[in-house]
Amino acid sequence: MGRSTEDKKKDSQSLCYEVVLPGLGSKNYILSSVFIFLLIYKTYSYITPEVTDYSLGIEVLIFIGWIINYLIKFLELEKLDEKFKDIIYSLIFPGLDLLISGKKLMGILVLSGYLLLLSSGSLLSGLYHFIYLFLYKRIIRYRKLAVIFLIYNLFLEFPLLYLEEVKNKAFYIASGSMEPTLTVGEEYLARATDDIQAGDICIFYPNDAYSNMFAKRVVGIEGDRLMLDKNKLYLNGSEVEGISYSSRGDLKEGQEIIVKKNKVYVLGDNTEKSYDSREFGMIDKKYIYGKVTKKTGSDSYLIDRWKVNRDRK
């Protein structure tokens, strides 16, 4: 016996809710709660430095959650009310509905614009989707769905996108001073934070006289002791592995440097081609924007070879 029109309508509405927030349409509120927790935790990681290292894992979990949810729901489309399919496609990606309905050129343009904004982590991607649904698809006709989508975006999605936008700064590498860790001509992201530790790669202005930002590695923070011995850098008596440094400027063989209060000492990984604290001195922490996390458009954080061996002194 076939399913009634009313049953199809109810299933279609449930699937719409499920696409907005996994678990909501199927009334699996545990799944919805877990998903909301992941989004809140990721948002929290942008404003709390000590948990930023977990953000990649949170991104992966959210991504996997969305993909699994969408794949499962696509399998259910055949039993849905036809008029809701169009809304479901547009909820997943703006422009996907146009592609499937045969409006290929317009669909490609709309979808490409959205994916371009999404890949840059821009707040505009959320606004783009929001405008598409409310102005073009007129989702307001489905009041409950519109309210759910509005609440989800205003309290979960938009704050996350906003923090991602304001906490990350994109910049290009113009010199080879940080090779091979950072590549000339590539664009990277730096996250604004005051939590700077030895080993972090940061972007900063050396002082008020400079208008361009530098990207260097912090090798010492306030109170740290630095010494060079046979091109090996020692931090508080422990050998730094992975990179050798040349004697130049105020970093001389056998002479200890103590990093001053509210200062950091920076060096380039490509020691022979780097203009750094050996020339312009220690950097005041107030001139540091934040630390470099990853290459723009990549989900992978930087793989680093700089390491302090506490066993070798």
Protein backbone atom coordinates (compact mmCIF):
# COMPACT_ATOMS: atom_id res chain seq x y z
CA MET A 1 0.00 0.00 0.00
CA GLY A 2 1.39 3.43 -0.95
CA ARG A 3 2.11 6.15 1.50
CA SER A 4 -0.44 8.94 1.84
CA THR A 5 0.20 12.51 0.75
CA GLU A 6 0.03 13.61 4.39
CA ASP A 7 2.69 11.08 5.40
CA LYS A 8 4.96 12.29 2.61
CA LYS A 9 4.47 15.88 3.73
CA LYS A 10 5.35 15.05 7.34
CA ASP A 11 8.45 13.09 6.28
CA SER A 12 9.50 15.93 3.99
CA GLN A 13 9.18 18.50 6.78
CA SER A 14 11.13 16.25 9.15
CA LEU A 15 13.91 15.86 6.60
CA CYS A 16 14.11 19.65 6.19
CA TYR A 17 14.60 20.00 9.95
CA GLU A 18 17.16 17.19 9.88
CA VAL A 19 19.20 18.91 7.17
CA VAL A 20 19.30 22.14 9.21
CA LEU A 21 20.37 20.31 12.37
CA PRO A 22 21.12 16.55 12.49
CA GLY A 23 18.74 14.73 14.83
CA LEU A 24 16.12 17.46 14.94
CA GLY A 25 13.76 16.04 12.33
CA SER A 26 14.08 12.46 13.56
CA LYS A 27 13.65 13.68 17.17
CA ASN A 28 17.02 12.22 18.07
CA TYR A 29 17.76 15.02 20.49
CA ILE A 30 20.92 13.36 21.79
CA LEU A 31 22.43 13.66 18.29
CA SER A 32 21.24 17.27 18.06
CA SER A 33 22.77 18.06 21.45
CA VAL A 34 26.11 16.50 20.49
CA PHE A 35 26.17 18.46 17.25
CA ILE A 36 25.34 21.73 19.03
CA PHE A 37 28.05 20.98 21.61
CA LEU A 38 30.63 20.51 18.84
CA LEU A 39 29.71 23.85 17.27
CA ILE A 40 29.81 25.65 20.62
CA TYR A 41 33.13 24.02 21.51
CA LYS A 42 34.64 25.09 18.20
CA THR A 43 33.36 28.64 18.76
CA TYR A 44 34.86 28.56 22.26
CA SER A 45 38.21 27.42 20.81
CA TYR A 46 38.43 30.66 18.83
CA ILE A 47 38.25 32.83 21.92
CA THR A 48 40.18 30.63 24.38
CA PRO A 49 43.84 30.11 23.39
CA GLU A 50 44.44 26.99 25.48
CA VAL A 51 41.88 24.96 23.51
CA THR A 52 42.76 26.14 19.98
CA ASP A 53 44.82 23.01 19.31
CA TYR A 54 41.61 20.96 19.37
CA SER A 55 39.82 23.01 16.72
CA LEU A 56 41.02 20.89 13.78
CA GLY A 57 39.53 17.77 15.37
CA ILE A 58 36.28 19.63 15.95
CA GLU A 59 36.22 20.77 12.30
CA VAL A 60 36.71 17.16 11.16
CA LEU A 61 33.93 15.87 13.43
CA ILE A 62 31.51 18.55 12.23
CA PHE A 63 32.39 17.87 8.60
CA ILE A 64 31.96 14.10 8.96
CA GLY A 65 28.68 14.65 10.82
CA TRP A 66 27.27 16.81 8.04
CA ILE A 67 28.40 14.47 5.26
CA ILE A 68 26.97 11.35 6.94
CA ASN A 69 23.74 13.19 7.66
CA TYR A 70 23.36 14.40 4.07
CA LEU A 71 24.19 11.01 2.53
CA ILE A 72 21.58 9.27 4.67
CA LYS A 73 18.96 11.87 3.85
CA PHE A 74 19.63 11.73 0.11
CA LEU A 75 18.71 8.05 0.20
CA GLU A 76 15.29 9.00 1.56
CA LEU A 77 14.42 11.57 -1.11
CA GLU A 78 12.37 9.18 -3.23
CA LYS A 79 9.63 8.93 -0.64
CA LEU A 80 9.27 12.68 -0.18
CA ASP A 81 6.75 15.26 -1.29
CA GLU A 82 8.08 16.70 -4.59
CA LYS A 83 7.70 20.34 -3.59
CA PHE A 84 9.93 19.84 -0.55
CA LYS A 85 12.81 18.28 -2.51
CA ASP A 86 13.68 21.65 -3.99
CA ILE A 87 13.86 23.21 -0.52
CA ILE A 88 15.99 20.35 0.81
CA TYR A 89 18.54 20.71 -2.00
CA SER A 90 18.80 24.46 -1.37
CA LEU A 91 19.21 23.87 2.37
CA ILE A 92 22.21 21.64 1.67
CA PHE A 93 23.89 24.01 -0.82
CA PRO A 94 22.51 27.14 -2.50
CA GLY A 95 22.38 26.45 -6.23
CA LEU A 96 22.17 22.67 -5.87
CA ASP A 97 18.41 22.91 -6.43
CA LEU A 98 18.99 24.82 -9.67
CA LEU A 99 21.46 22.24 -10.95
CA ILE A 100 19.14 19.34 -10.27
CA SER A 101 16.15 21.13 -11.82
CA GLY A 102 18.10 21.63 -15.08
CA LYS A 103 19.14 25.29 -14.70
CA LYS A 104 22.78 24.29 -14.98
CA LEU A 105 24.48 27.61 -15.78
CA MET A 106 22.70 29.52 -13.01
CA GLY A 107 23.20 26.60 -10.63
CA ILE A 108 26.94 26.45 -11.30
CA LEU A 109 27.31 30.20 -10.78
CA VAL A 110 25.33 30.25 -7.51
CA LEU A 111 26.99 27.11 -6.13
CA SER A 112 30.50 28.22 -7.16
CA GLY A 113 30.04 31.57 -5.45
CA TYR A 114 28.95 29.88 -2.25
CA LEU A 115 31.77 27.30 -2.26
CA LEU A 116 34.33 30.05 -2.90
CA LEU A 117 33.15 31.99 0.14
CA LEU A 118 32.90 28.81 2.20
CA SER A 119 36.47 27.74 1.39
CA SER A 120 37.79 31.07 2.70
CA GLY A 121 35.89 30.64 5.96
CA SER A 122 34.11 33.90 5.33
CA LEU A 123 31.10 35.14 7.26
CA LEU A 124 29.71 36.08 3.85
CA SER A 125 29.13 32.38 3.07
CA GLY A 126 26.54 32.21 5.86
CA LEU A 127 24.90 35.45 4.75
CA TYR A 128 24.93 34.22 1.14
CA HIS A 129 23.05 31.04 2.10
CA PHE A 130 20.68 32.98 4.35
CA ILE A 131 19.76 35.50 1.62
CA TYR A 132 19.38 32.75 -0.98
CA LEU A 133 16.88 30.84 1.16
CA PHE A 134 14.84 33.79 2.41
CA LEU A 135 14.78 36.03 -0.66
CA TYR A 136 15.08 33.63 -3.57
CA LYS A 137 13.53 30.42 -2.21
CA ARG A 138 11.10 32.29 0.06
CA ILE A 139 11.56 29.79 2.87
CA ILE A 140 9.44 32.08 5.06
CA ARG A 141 6.41 30.28 3.54
CA TYR A 142 7.33 27.33 5.78
CA ARG A 143 7.18 29.14 9.10
CA LYS A 144 8.51 26.47 11.45
CA LEU A 145 11.40 25.63 9.12
CA ALA A 146 12.22 29.31 8.68
CA VAL A 147 12.28 29.87 12.46
CA ILE A 148 14.53 26.83 13.02
CA PHE A 149 16.93 27.92 10.28
CA LEU A 150 16.96 31.48 11.63
CA ILE A 151 17.70 30.40 15.21
CA TYR A 152 20.39 27.95 14.09
CA ASN A 153 22.20 30.59 12.03
CA LEU A 154 21.90 33.50 14.45
CA PHE A 155 23.03 31.59 17.54
CA LEU A 156 25.35 28.89 16.16
CA GLU A 157 26.54 29.32 12.58
CA PHE A 158 27.00 33.10 12.34
CA PRO A 159 28.94 33.48 15.63
CA LEU A 160 31.29 30.70 14.50
CA LEU A 161 31.84 32.23 11.06
CA TYR A 162 32.28 35.68 12.61
CA LEU A 163 34.95 34.48 15.03
CA GLU A 164 36.69 32.55 12.28
CA GLU A 165 36.76 35.73 10.20
CA VAL A 166 38.00 38.15 12.88
CA LYS A 167 40.38 35.72 14.60
CA ASN A 168 42.19 34.67 11.40
CA LYS A 169 44.35 36.90 9.26
CA ALA A 170 45.51 35.82 5.80
CA PHE A 171 48.99 36.87 4.67
CA TYR A 172 51.45 36.02 1.90
CA ILE A 173 55.05 34.96 2.39
CA ALA A 174 57.25 37.43 0.48
CA SER A 175 60.70 36.14 1.44
CA GLY A 176 62.47 32.83 1.99
CA SER A 177 63.43 33.57 5.59
CA MET A 178 61.10 30.87 6.97
CA GLU A 179 61.76 28.17 4.38
CA PRO A 180 61.15 25.29 4.25
CA THR A 181 58.44 25.66 6.92
CA LEU A 182 56.69 28.53 5.09
CA THR A 183 56.92 28.73 1.30
CA VAL A 184 57.47 31.94 -0.67
CA GLY A 185 54.32 33.07 -2.50
CA GLU A 186 51.96 30.89 -0.46
CA GLU A 187 49.14 32.31 1.65
CA TYR A 188 48.82 31.31 5.31
CA LEU A 189 46.45 32.01 8.18
CA ALA A 190 47.44 33.46 11.52
CA ARG A 191 45.12 33.29 14.51
CA ALA A 192 44.94 36.30 16.83
CA THR A 193 46.07 35.28 20.32
CA ASP A 194 48.10 36.57 23.26
CA ASP A 195 49.19 33.04 24.18
CA ILE A 196 52.62 32.99 22.53
CA GLN A 197 55.10 30.25 23.40
CA ALA A 198 58.62 29.37 22.28
CA GLY A 199 58.37 27.47 19.00
CA ASP A 200 55.31 29.33 17.73
CA ILE A 201 55.55 30.96 14.30
CA CYS A 202 54.09 34.46 14.59
CA ILE A 203 53.34 37.47 12.45
CA PHE A 204 54.26 40.85 13.89
CA TYR A 205 55.65 44.32 13.35
CA PRO A 206 59.22 44.62 14.69
CA ASN A 207 58.38 48.10 16.02
CA ASP A 208 56.55 51.32 15.12
CA ALA A 209 58.99 52.06 12.29
CA TYR A 210 57.79 49.11 10.19
CA SER A 211 54.62 49.08 8.06
CA ASN A 212 54.93 45.48 6.83
CA MET A 213 54.37 42.40 8.94
CA PHE A 214 57.08 39.80 9.42
CA ALA A 215 56.68 36.04 9.90
CA LYS A 216 59.28 34.49 12.21
CA ARG A 217 59.61 31.82 14.86
CA VAL A 218 59.56 32.78 18.52
CA VAL A 219 62.54 31.00 20.08
CA GLY A 220 62.31 32.64 23.50
CA ILE A 221 59.73 34.42 25.65
CA GLU A 222 60.02 36.55 28.79
CA GLY A 223 62.65 35.13 31.18
CA ASP A 224 63.99 32.50 28.77
CA ARG A 225 67.76 31.99 28.45
CA LEU A 226 69.16 31.54 24.93
CA MET A 227 72.67 30.44 23.97
CA LEU A 228 74.31 29.40 20.71
CA ASP A 229 76.95 26.65 20.78
CA LYS A 230 78.39 25.30 17.50
CA ASN A 231 75.30 26.51 15.58
CA LYS A 232 73.01 24.72 18.02
CA LEU A 233 70.52 26.88 19.90
CA TYR A 234 69.92 26.11 23.57
CA LEU A 235 66.71 27.23 25.29
CA ASN A 236 67.02 27.30 29.09
CA GLY A 237 69.85 24.79 28.78
CA SER A 238 67.98 22.35 26.48
CA GLU A 239 69.00 21.83 22.85
CA VAL A 240 66.64 22.96 20.09
CA GLU A 241 66.43 20.24 17.43
CA GLY A 242 65.47 20.42 13.77
CA ILE A 243 67.05 23.78 12.91
CA SER A 244 70.59 25.14 13.19
CA TYR A 245 71.26 28.85 13.61
CA SER A 246 74.21 30.99 12.58
CA SER A 247 76.06 33.42 14.83
CA ARG A 248 75.22 36.99 13.88
CA GLY A 249 74.30 40.30 15.50
CA ASP A 250 73.67 39.89 19.21
CA LEU A 251 73.35 36.09 18.95
CA LYS A 252 76.98 35.09 19.38
CA GLU A 253 78.61 31.77 20.14
CA GLY A 254 78.83 31.12 23.87
CA GLN A 255 77.06 34.34 24.93
CA GLU A 256 73.80 33.99 26.84
CA ILE A 257 70.80 36.15 26.03
CA ILE A 258 68.01 36.60 28.59
CA VAL A 259 64.67 37.62 27.07
CA LYS A 260 63.34 40.78 28.73
CA LYS A 261 59.92 41.36 30.28
CA ASN A 262 57.04 41.54 27.77
CA LYS A 263 59.47 40.72 24.96
CA VAL A 264 60.09 37.77 22.65
CA TYR A 265 63.14 36.76 20.63
CA VAL A 266 62.46 35.70 17.02
CA LEU A 267 64.56 33.93 14.39
CA GLY A 268 63.92 32.73 10.85
CA ASP A 269 64.13 29.00 10.10
CA ASN A 270 66.27 29.78 7.03
CA THR A 271 68.94 31.26 9.27
CA GLU A 272 71.32 32.59 6.60
CA LYS A 273 68.57 34.50 4.76
CA SER A 274 66.61 35.83 7.70
CA TYR A 275 66.45 39.38 9.02
CA ASP A 276 65.34 38.90 12.61
CA SER A 277 66.03 39.65 16.28
CA ARG A 278 69.76 39.30 15.63
CA GLU A 279 69.44 42.62 13.78
CA PHE A 280 66.35 44.46 15.10
CA GLY A 281 66.42 43.08 18.62
CA MET A 282 63.69 41.64 20.81
CA ILE A 283 60.03 42.20 19.88
CA ASP A 284 57.52 43.79 22.23
CA LYS A 285 54.55 41.42 22.62
CA LYS A 286 52.12 44.25 21.81
CA TYR A 287 53.35 44.20 18.19
CA ILE A 288 52.47 40.51 17.70
CA TYR A 289 49.19 39.81 15.88
CA GLY A 290 49.07 36.08 16.47
CA LYS A 291 50.49 32.72 15.49
CA VAL A 292 50.50 31.00 12.13
CA THR A 293 48.26 27.92 12.06
CA LYS A 294 47.91 26.61 8.51
CA LYS A 295 47.96 27.32 4.81
CA THR A 296 44.87 29.09 3.47
CA GLY A 297 42.31 26.62 2.13
CA SER A 298 43.88 23.69 3.96
CA ASP A 299 42.45 21.73 6.89
CA SER A 300 45.92 20.55 7.89
CA TYR A 301 47.87 22.43 10.50
CA LEU A 302 51.58 23.12 9.93
CA ILE A 303 53.89 20.16 10.37
CA ASP A 304 56.80 21.48 12.36
CA ARG A 305 60.31 20.19 12.90
CA TRP A 306 61.32 22.65 15.64
CA LYS A 307 61.61 20.79 18.94
CA VAL A 308 63.25 21.34 22.30
CA ASN A 309 65.02 18.21 23.53
CA ARG A 310 64.79 18.41 27.32
CA ASP A 311 67.13 15.42 27.64
CA ARG A 312 70.01 17.09 25.80
CA LYS A 313 71.59 19.92 27.73
